[in-house]
Amino acid sequence: LRSRKDKDNNGMGRKFSAVLLVLALGISGAVSAAPDIREYPVPSGSHPHDVAPATDGGVWYTAQNSGELGHLDPKSGRTSHIGLGSGSAPHGVIVGPDGAPWITTPGSTSSCASTPKSEKSTVYPLPSRGARVRQILGRPGEVWLPESGTNKLAVIRE
């Protein structure tokens, strides 16, 4: 059990900690500048969904509405798109262990596609129908996919 005196000392310590926190935040806030926020237009109807850093300094993005993988060069503002096939509605994108973007395409037979530098996509159909893959995770030698529609995890190993 604590005495009244202990409670008061504990409260004083909390007040002192709060004052230090406010001072620290004030000092760091005074030194840091406002963030630089820029927006880059993409082709009309693309409706970008997910983004991933490209190895060339650009940014990969899924153009969900147009069924494409997009690439933005932030230096020039230019974009390019790679078609992912009829019925595709790409959702997630990562840069895989091979340096290529890997995309989840739940809009077309719940498959995962890798698009290497050749700008051609390779589709890896998953064994289970209705997998509904929306996320993706890569590490050396393998890419993991959660199949929310079938209550399974899938892995593609190369």
N, C-alpha and C. Protein backbone atom coordinates (compact mmCIF):
# COMPACT_ATOMS: atom_id res chain seq x y z
N LEU A 1 0.84 -1.18 0.00
CA LEU A 1 0.00 0.00 0.00
C LEU A 1 0.88 1.24 0.00
N ARG A 2 0.43 2.26 -0.71
CA ARG A 2 1.17 3.52 -0.76
C ARG A 2 0.56 4.51 0.21
N SER A 3 1.41 5.33 0.76
CA SER A 3 0.92 6.40 1.62
C SER A 3 0.57 7.59 0.74
N ARG A 4 -0.09 8.56 1.28
CA ARG A 4 -0.47 9.79 0.57
C ARG A 4 0.80 10.48 0.08
N LYS A 5 1.84 10.45 0.88
CA LYS A 5 3.10 11.11 0.52
C LYS A 5 3.71 10.44 -0.72
N ASP A 6 3.67 9.09 -0.78
CA ASP A 6 4.19 8.37 -1.94
C ASP A 6 3.43 8.75 -3.21
N LYS A 7 2.13 8.85 -3.10
CA LYS A 7 1.32 9.21 -4.27
C LYS A 7 1.69 10.60 -4.77
N ASP A 8 1.88 11.53 -3.85
CA ASP A 8 2.23 12.89 -4.25
C ASP A 8 3.60 12.92 -4.93
N ASN A 9 4.58 12.18 -4.39
CA ASN A 9 5.91 12.14 -5.00
C ASN A 9 5.85 11.50 -6.39
N ASN A 10 5.05 10.46 -6.50
CA ASN A 10 4.90 9.79 -7.79
C ASN A 10 4.27 10.74 -8.80
N GLY A 11 3.27 11.50 -8.40
CA GLY A 11 2.63 12.48 -9.27
C GLY A 11 3.60 13.57 -9.69
N MET A 12 4.48 13.99 -8.77
CA MET A 12 5.47 15.01 -9.09
C MET A 12 6.45 14.49 -10.13
N GLY A 13 6.82 13.21 -10.01
CA GLY A 13 7.73 12.61 -10.98
C GLY A 13 7.10 12.58 -12.37
N ARG A 14 5.82 12.26 -12.42
CA ARG A 14 5.11 12.24 -13.70
C ARG A 14 5.04 13.63 -14.30
N LYS A 15 4.78 14.64 -13.48
CA LYS A 15 4.73 16.02 -13.98
C LYS A 15 6.09 16.44 -14.52
N PHE A 16 7.16 16.09 -13.82
CA PHE A 16 8.51 16.43 -14.26
C PHE A 16 8.83 15.73 -15.59
N SER A 17 8.44 14.45 -15.72
CA SER A 17 8.65 13.72 -16.97
C SER A 17 7.88 14.37 -18.11
N ALA A 18 6.65 14.79 -17.83
CA ALA A 18 5.85 15.44 -18.87
C ALA A 18 6.48 16.75 -19.32
N VAL A 19 7.02 17.52 -18.38
CA VAL A 19 7.69 18.78 -18.71
C VAL A 19 8.92 18.50 -19.57
N LEU A 20 9.71 17.48 -19.22
CA LEU A 20 10.88 17.12 -20.04
C LEU A 20 10.47 16.71 -21.44
N LEU A 21 9.38 15.95 -21.55
CA LEU A 21 8.90 15.51 -22.85
C LEU A 21 8.48 16.71 -23.69
N VAL A 22 7.74 17.64 -23.11
CA VAL A 22 7.31 18.84 -23.83
C VAL A 22 8.52 19.65 -24.27
N LEU A 23 9.51 19.79 -23.40
CA LEU A 23 10.73 20.53 -23.77
C LEU A 23 11.46 19.83 -24.90
N ALA A 24 11.57 18.51 -24.83
CA ALA A 24 12.26 17.75 -25.88
C ALA A 24 11.53 17.88 -27.20
N LEU A 25 10.22 17.77 -27.18
CA LEU A 25 9.45 17.91 -28.42
C LEU A 25 9.56 19.33 -28.97
N GLY A 26 9.54 20.31 -28.09
CA GLY A 26 9.66 21.70 -28.52
C GLY A 26 11.01 21.97 -29.16
N ILE A 27 12.06 21.43 -28.57
CA ILE A 27 13.40 21.63 -29.11
C ILE A 27 13.54 20.93 -30.45
N SER A 28 13.10 19.68 -30.55
CA SER A 28 13.22 18.97 -31.81
C SER A 28 12.33 19.59 -32.87
N GLY A 29 11.17 20.11 -32.47
CA GLY A 29 10.28 20.76 -33.43
C GLY A 29 10.85 22.05 -33.96
N ALA A 30 11.61 22.77 -33.13
CA ALA A 30 12.20 24.02 -33.56
C ALA A 30 13.33 23.79 -34.55
N VAL A 31 14.00 22.66 -34.47
CA VAL A 31 15.13 22.37 -35.33
C VAL A 31 14.68 21.80 -36.67
N SER A 32 13.65 20.95 -36.67
CA SER A 32 13.24 20.29 -37.91
C SER A 32 12.40 21.22 -38.77
N ALA A 33 12.55 21.07 -40.09
CA ALA A 33 11.79 21.86 -41.04
C ALA A 33 10.52 21.12 -41.41
N ALA A 34 9.61 21.84 -42.03
CA ALA A 34 8.38 21.21 -42.50
C ALA A 34 8.72 20.20 -43.60
N PRO A 35 8.01 19.07 -43.65
CA PRO A 35 8.30 18.07 -44.67
C PRO A 35 7.97 18.60 -46.07
N ASP A 36 8.69 18.11 -47.05
CA ASP A 36 8.44 18.43 -48.46
C ASP A 36 7.47 17.39 -48.99
N ILE A 37 6.26 17.79 -49.29
CA ILE A 37 5.25 16.87 -49.80
C ILE A 37 4.97 17.21 -51.25
N ARG A 38 5.12 16.22 -52.13
CA ARG A 38 4.86 16.41 -53.55
C ARG A 38 3.87 15.36 -54.03
N GLU A 39 3.11 15.71 -55.02
CA GLU A 39 2.20 14.77 -55.66
C GLU A 39 2.60 14.64 -57.12
N TYR A 40 2.47 13.42 -57.65
CA TYR A 40 2.81 13.14 -59.04
C TYR A 40 1.57 12.61 -59.75
N PRO A 41 1.15 13.25 -60.83
CA PRO A 41 0.00 12.72 -61.55
C PRO A 41 0.34 11.40 -62.25
N VAL A 42 -0.62 10.51 -62.30
CA VAL A 42 -0.49 9.25 -63.03
C VAL A 42 -1.60 9.24 -64.09
N PRO A 43 -1.50 8.36 -65.08
CA PRO A 43 -2.52 8.35 -66.13
C PRO A 43 -3.94 8.24 -65.58
N SER A 44 -4.84 8.98 -66.19
CA SER A 44 -6.23 8.99 -65.80
C SER A 44 -6.80 7.56 -65.79
N GLY A 45 -7.54 7.24 -64.75
CA GLY A 45 -8.16 5.93 -64.64
C GLY A 45 -7.27 4.86 -64.04
N SER A 46 -6.04 5.20 -63.68
CA SER A 46 -5.12 4.21 -63.09
C SER A 46 -5.55 3.76 -61.70
N HIS A 47 -5.97 4.69 -60.89
CA HIS A 47 -6.33 4.44 -59.49
C HIS A 47 -5.25 3.64 -58.77
N PRO A 48 -4.08 4.26 -58.52
CA PRO A 48 -2.99 3.54 -57.84
C PRO A 48 -3.43 3.03 -56.48
N HIS A 49 -2.97 1.83 -56.15
CA HIS A 49 -3.36 1.21 -54.88
C HIS A 49 -2.18 1.08 -53.93
N ASP A 50 -1.18 0.28 -54.27
CA ASP A 50 -0.01 0.09 -53.42
C ASP A 50 1.24 0.58 -54.13
N VAL A 51 2.27 0.90 -53.36
CA VAL A 51 3.54 1.36 -53.90
C VAL A 51 4.70 0.58 -53.30
N ALA A 52 5.82 0.53 -54.04
CA ALA A 52 7.04 -0.11 -53.55
C ALA A 52 8.22 0.60 -54.20
N PRO A 53 9.32 0.77 -53.47
CA PRO A 53 10.50 1.43 -54.05
C PRO A 53 11.16 0.54 -55.10
N ALA A 54 11.43 1.11 -56.27
CA ALA A 54 12.12 0.37 -57.33
C ALA A 54 13.63 0.47 -57.13
N THR A 55 14.36 -0.52 -57.60
CA THR A 55 15.81 -0.53 -57.42
C THR A 55 16.50 0.57 -58.20
N ASP A 56 15.83 1.16 -59.19
CA ASP A 56 16.42 2.22 -60.00
C ASP A 56 16.16 3.62 -59.44
N GLY A 57 15.56 3.71 -58.25
CA GLY A 57 15.25 5.00 -57.64
C GLY A 57 13.83 5.45 -57.93
N GLY A 58 13.14 4.74 -58.79
CA GLY A 58 11.74 5.04 -59.10
C GLY A 58 10.81 4.40 -58.10
N VAL A 59 9.54 4.40 -58.43
CA VAL A 59 8.51 3.83 -57.57
C VAL A 59 7.58 2.96 -58.42
N TRP A 60 7.39 1.71 -58.01
CA TRP A 60 6.40 0.84 -58.64
C TRP A 60 5.07 1.09 -57.96
N TYR A 61 3.99 1.03 -58.72
CA TYR A 61 2.66 1.13 -58.12
C TYR A 61 1.68 0.26 -58.90
N THR A 62 0.67 -0.23 -58.20
CA THR A 62 -0.37 -1.01 -58.88
C THR A 62 -1.43 -0.05 -59.37
N ALA A 63 -1.70 -0.11 -60.66
CA ALA A 63 -2.76 0.68 -61.28
C ALA A 63 -4.00 -0.22 -61.30
N GLN A 64 -4.70 -0.24 -60.19
CA GLN A 64 -5.74 -1.24 -59.97
C GLN A 64 -6.88 -1.16 -60.98
N ASN A 65 -7.31 0.03 -61.32
CA ASN A 65 -8.46 0.16 -62.20
C ASN A 65 -8.14 -0.20 -63.65
N SER A 66 -6.90 0.06 -64.08
CA SER A 66 -6.54 -0.23 -65.47
C SER A 66 -5.87 -1.59 -65.64
N GLY A 67 -5.65 -2.33 -64.55
CA GLY A 67 -5.08 -3.68 -64.63
C GLY A 67 -3.62 -3.67 -65.05
N GLU A 68 -2.86 -2.72 -64.52
CA GLU A 68 -1.46 -2.58 -64.93
C GLU A 68 -0.54 -2.38 -63.73
N LEU A 69 0.74 -2.58 -64.00
CA LEU A 69 1.78 -2.21 -63.05
C LEU A 69 2.37 -0.90 -63.56
N GLY A 70 2.42 0.09 -62.70
CA GLY A 70 2.96 1.39 -63.09
C GLY A 70 4.34 1.61 -62.50
N HIS A 71 5.11 2.45 -63.17
CA HIS A 71 6.44 2.85 -62.69
C HIS A 71 6.54 4.36 -62.83
N LEU A 72 6.92 5.02 -61.76
CA LEU A 72 7.10 6.47 -61.74
C LEU A 72 8.57 6.79 -61.56
N ASP A 73 9.09 7.68 -62.40
CA ASP A 73 10.43 8.23 -62.22
C ASP A 73 10.24 9.58 -61.53
N PRO A 74 10.51 9.68 -60.22
CA PRO A 74 10.27 10.93 -59.50
C PRO A 74 11.11 12.10 -60.00
N LYS A 75 12.25 11.83 -60.60
CA LYS A 75 13.09 12.92 -61.11
C LYS A 75 12.44 13.62 -62.30
N SER A 76 11.88 12.85 -63.22
CA SER A 76 11.28 13.43 -64.42
C SER A 76 9.76 13.55 -64.32
N GLY A 77 9.14 12.77 -63.42
CA GLY A 77 7.69 12.75 -63.31
C GLY A 77 7.03 11.83 -64.33
N ARG A 78 7.82 11.17 -65.16
CA ARG A 78 7.27 10.28 -66.19
C ARG A 78 6.81 8.95 -65.59
N THR A 79 5.75 8.42 -66.18
CA THR A 79 5.24 7.12 -65.78
C THR A 79 5.22 6.19 -66.99
N SER A 80 5.28 4.90 -66.71
CA SER A 80 5.09 3.88 -67.74
C SER A 80 4.26 2.78 -67.11
N HIS A 81 3.52 2.07 -67.94
CA HIS A 81 2.64 1.00 -67.46
C HIS A 81 2.89 -0.29 -68.21
N ILE A 82 2.76 -1.40 -67.49
CA ILE A 82 2.89 -2.74 -68.06
C ILE A 82 1.56 -3.45 -67.81
N GLY A 83 0.91 -3.91 -68.87
CA GLY A 83 -0.35 -4.62 -68.74
C GLY A 83 -0.17 -5.96 -68.05
N LEU A 84 -1.13 -6.32 -67.22
CA LEU A 84 -1.05 -7.58 -66.47
C LEU A 84 -2.10 -8.59 -66.90
N GLY A 85 -2.77 -8.34 -67.99
CA GLY A 85 -3.72 -9.31 -68.52
C GLY A 85 -5.16 -8.94 -68.28
N SER A 86 -6.01 -9.52 -69.08
CA SER A 86 -7.44 -9.26 -69.02
C SER A 86 -8.01 -9.65 -67.65
N GLY A 87 -8.82 -8.78 -67.11
CA GLY A 87 -9.47 -9.06 -65.83
C GLY A 87 -8.60 -8.80 -64.62
N SER A 88 -7.38 -8.34 -64.82
CA SER A 88 -6.48 -8.10 -63.70
C SER A 88 -6.87 -6.82 -62.96
N ALA A 89 -6.77 -6.84 -61.66
CA ALA A 89 -6.99 -5.68 -60.81
C ALA A 89 -5.91 -5.73 -59.73
N PRO A 90 -4.66 -5.41 -60.08
CA PRO A 90 -3.55 -5.59 -59.14
C PRO A 90 -3.76 -4.84 -57.83
N HIS A 91 -3.37 -5.47 -56.78
CA HIS A 91 -3.58 -4.91 -55.44
C HIS A 91 -2.26 -4.57 -54.77
N GLY A 92 -1.50 -5.58 -54.36
CA GLY A 92 -0.25 -5.36 -53.64
C GLY A 92 0.95 -5.42 -54.56
N VAL A 93 2.03 -4.72 -54.18
CA VAL A 93 3.29 -4.78 -54.92
C VAL A 93 4.44 -4.68 -53.93
N ILE A 94 5.46 -5.50 -54.16
CA ILE A 94 6.71 -5.43 -53.41
C ILE A 94 7.85 -5.56 -54.41
N VAL A 95 9.04 -5.23 -53.98
CA VAL A 95 10.22 -5.57 -54.75
C VAL A 95 10.75 -6.86 -54.13
N GLY A 96 10.74 -7.92 -54.93
CA GLY A 96 11.10 -9.23 -54.44
C GLY A 96 12.59 -9.41 -54.29
N PRO A 97 12.98 -10.57 -53.81
CA PRO A 97 14.40 -10.86 -53.59
C PRO A 97 15.21 -10.86 -54.88
N ASP A 98 14.54 -10.98 -56.02
CA ASP A 98 15.22 -10.94 -57.31
C ASP A 98 15.36 -9.51 -57.85
N GLY A 99 14.86 -8.52 -57.10
CA GLY A 99 14.93 -7.12 -57.52
C GLY A 99 13.79 -6.71 -58.42
N ALA A 100 12.94 -7.64 -58.80
CA ALA A 100 11.80 -7.36 -59.67
C ALA A 100 10.55 -7.09 -58.84
N PRO A 101 9.62 -6.31 -59.38
CA PRO A 101 8.35 -6.11 -58.66
C PRO A 101 7.49 -7.38 -58.76
N TRP A 102 6.88 -7.73 -57.65
CA TRP A 102 5.94 -8.84 -57.58
C TRP A 102 4.60 -8.25 -57.21
N ILE A 103 3.56 -8.70 -57.88
CA ILE A 103 2.25 -8.09 -57.76
C ILE A 103 1.21 -9.15 -57.42
N THR A 104 0.28 -8.81 -56.54
CA THR A 104 -0.87 -9.67 -56.33
C THR A 104 -1.96 -9.20 -57.27
N THR A 105 -2.62 -10.14 -57.92
CA THR A 105 -3.66 -9.80 -58.89
C THR A 105 -4.94 -10.58 -58.58
N PRO A 106 -5.63 -10.22 -57.51
CA PRO A 106 -6.84 -10.95 -57.15
C PRO A 106 -7.95 -10.82 -58.19
N GLY A 107 -7.85 -9.86 -59.10
CA GLY A 107 -8.88 -9.67 -60.12
C GLY A 107 -8.83 -10.71 -61.22
N SER A 108 -7.74 -11.47 -61.31
CA SER A 108 -7.65 -12.51 -62.34
C SER A 108 -7.14 -13.80 -61.73
N THR A 109 -7.98 -14.72 -61.52
CA THR A 109 -7.68 -16.05 -61.00
C THR A 109 -6.76 -16.07 -59.77
N SER A 110 -6.78 -15.05 -58.97
CA SER A 110 -6.01 -14.99 -57.74
C SER A 110 -4.58 -15.47 -57.93
N SER A 111 -3.85 -14.81 -58.79
CA SER A 111 -2.48 -15.22 -59.06
C SER A 111 -1.50 -14.12 -58.69
N CYS A 112 -0.25 -14.46 -58.71
CA CYS A 112 0.82 -13.51 -58.41
C CYS A 112 1.68 -13.38 -59.65
N ALA A 113 2.05 -12.18 -60.02
CA ALA A 113 2.85 -11.99 -61.22
C ALA A 113 4.16 -11.30 -60.87
N SER A 114 5.22 -11.69 -61.54
CA SER A 114 6.51 -11.03 -61.41
C SER A 114 6.78 -10.34 -62.73
N THR A 115 7.19 -9.09 -62.68
CA THR A 115 7.48 -8.35 -63.90
C THR A 115 8.95 -7.97 -63.92
N PRO A 116 9.78 -8.74 -64.60
CA PRO A 116 11.19 -8.42 -64.65
C PRO A 116 11.49 -7.24 -65.56
N LYS A 117 12.74 -6.88 -65.67
CA LYS A 117 13.16 -5.71 -66.44
C LYS A 117 12.74 -5.78 -67.91
N SER A 118 12.41 -6.94 -68.41
CA SER A 118 11.99 -7.09 -69.81
C SER A 118 10.61 -6.49 -70.06
N GLU A 119 9.94 -6.03 -69.02
CA GLU A 119 8.59 -5.48 -69.09
C GLU A 119 7.56 -6.50 -69.55
N LYS A 120 7.82 -7.76 -69.26
CA LYS A 120 6.85 -8.82 -69.50
C LYS A 120 6.47 -9.39 -68.15
N SER A 121 5.22 -9.76 -68.04
CA SER A 121 4.78 -10.31 -66.77
C SER A 121 4.69 -11.83 -66.86
N THR A 122 5.04 -12.47 -65.77
CA THR A 122 4.90 -13.91 -65.64
C THR A 122 3.86 -14.16 -64.57
N VAL A 123 2.84 -14.88 -64.90
CA VAL A 123 1.76 -15.15 -63.95
C VAL A 123 1.96 -16.52 -63.35
N TYR A 124 1.85 -16.59 -62.05
CA TYR A 124 1.96 -17.84 -61.31
C TYR A 124 0.58 -18.15 -60.74
N PRO A 125 -0.23 -18.96 -61.43
CA PRO A 125 -1.56 -19.29 -60.89
C PRO A 125 -1.42 -20.07 -59.58
N LEU A 126 -2.25 -19.73 -58.64
CA LEU A 126 -2.24 -20.44 -57.36
C LEU A 126 -3.17 -21.65 -57.45
N PRO A 127 -2.85 -22.72 -56.73
CA PRO A 127 -3.64 -23.95 -56.83
C PRO A 127 -5.09 -23.82 -56.38
N SER A 128 -5.34 -22.98 -55.38
CA SER A 128 -6.70 -22.88 -54.82
C SER A 128 -7.51 -21.80 -55.52
N ARG A 129 -8.72 -22.15 -55.92
CA ARG A 129 -9.64 -21.15 -56.49
C ARG A 129 -10.15 -20.26 -55.37
N GLY A 130 -10.35 -18.99 -55.67
CA GLY A 130 -10.90 -18.06 -54.68
C GLY A 130 -9.91 -17.68 -53.59
N ALA A 131 -8.62 -17.70 -53.89
CA ALA A 131 -7.59 -17.42 -52.87
C ALA A 131 -7.67 -15.98 -52.34
N ARG A 132 -8.04 -15.02 -53.16
CA ARG A 132 -8.15 -13.60 -52.78
C ARG A 132 -6.87 -13.09 -52.12
N VAL A 133 -5.78 -13.14 -52.84
CA VAL A 133 -4.48 -12.66 -52.33
C VAL A 133 -4.41 -11.16 -52.54
N ARG A 134 -4.14 -10.42 -51.47
CA ARG A 134 -4.05 -8.96 -51.55
C ARG A 134 -2.71 -8.43 -51.03
N GLN A 135 -1.99 -9.23 -50.28
CA GLN A 135 -0.71 -8.83 -49.74
C GLN A 135 0.36 -9.77 -50.24
N ILE A 136 1.61 -9.39 -50.03
CA ILE A 136 2.72 -10.20 -50.52
C ILE A 136 3.97 -9.86 -49.70
N LEU A 137 4.83 -10.84 -49.48
CA LEU A 137 6.06 -10.64 -48.73
C LEU A 137 7.16 -11.46 -49.38
N GLY A 138 8.31 -10.85 -49.64
CA GLY A 138 9.41 -11.58 -50.25
C GLY A 138 10.66 -11.59 -49.39
N ARG A 139 11.42 -12.66 -49.54
CA ARG A 139 12.74 -12.76 -48.94
C ARG A 139 13.56 -13.66 -49.85
N PRO A 140 14.87 -13.73 -49.69
CA PRO A 140 15.70 -14.46 -50.65
C PRO A 140 15.17 -15.87 -50.95
N GLY A 141 14.90 -16.12 -52.24
CA GLY A 141 14.49 -17.43 -52.69
C GLY A 141 13.01 -17.74 -52.63
N GLU A 142 12.20 -16.85 -52.02
CA GLU A 142 10.78 -17.15 -51.90
C GLU A 142 9.93 -15.90 -51.75
N VAL A 143 8.68 -16.04 -52.16
CA VAL A 143 7.67 -15.00 -52.02
C VAL A 143 6.46 -15.63 -51.36
N TRP A 144 5.96 -14.99 -50.29
CA TRP A 144 4.84 -15.52 -49.51
C TRP A 144 3.57 -14.72 -49.80
N LEU A 145 2.44 -15.44 -49.84
CA LEU A 145 1.14 -14.84 -50.14
C LEU A 145 0.08 -15.37 -49.18
N PRO A 146 -0.67 -14.50 -48.50
CA PRO A 146 -1.78 -14.98 -47.68
C PRO A 146 -3.02 -15.15 -48.55
N GLU A 147 -3.66 -16.31 -48.50
CA GLU A 147 -4.88 -16.57 -49.25
C GLU A 147 -6.06 -16.39 -48.30
N SER A 148 -6.57 -15.17 -48.23
CA SER A 148 -7.65 -14.90 -47.27
C SER A 148 -8.93 -15.62 -47.63
N GLY A 149 -9.13 -15.92 -48.91
CA GLY A 149 -10.35 -16.61 -49.33
C GLY A 149 -10.36 -18.10 -49.08
N THR A 150 -9.17 -18.70 -48.84
CA THR A 150 -9.11 -20.15 -48.64
C THR A 150 -8.51 -20.53 -47.29
N ASN A 151 -8.16 -19.53 -46.48
CA ASN A 151 -7.58 -19.77 -45.17
C ASN A 151 -6.26 -20.54 -45.27
N LYS A 152 -5.39 -20.13 -46.22
CA LYS A 152 -4.10 -20.77 -46.44
C LYS A 152 -3.03 -19.71 -46.64
N LEU A 153 -1.77 -20.14 -46.50
CA LEU A 153 -0.61 -19.34 -46.89
C LEU A 153 0.04 -20.07 -48.05
N ALA A 154 0.47 -19.31 -49.07
CA ALA A 154 1.14 -19.92 -50.22
C ALA A 154 2.55 -19.36 -50.31
N VAL A 155 3.46 -20.15 -50.85
CA VAL A 155 4.83 -19.70 -51.07
C VAL A 155 5.25 -20.09 -52.49
N ILE A 156 5.95 -19.17 -53.15
CA ILE A 156 6.52 -19.43 -54.47
C ILE A 156 8.02 -19.42 -54.26
N ARG A 157 8.65 -20.54 -54.57
CA ARG A 157 10.11 -20.64 -54.40
C ARG A 157 10.76 -20.79 -55.76
N GLU A 158 11.84 -20.06 -55.95
CA GLU A 158 12.57 -20.15 -57.22
C GLU A 158 14.01 -20.53 -56.96
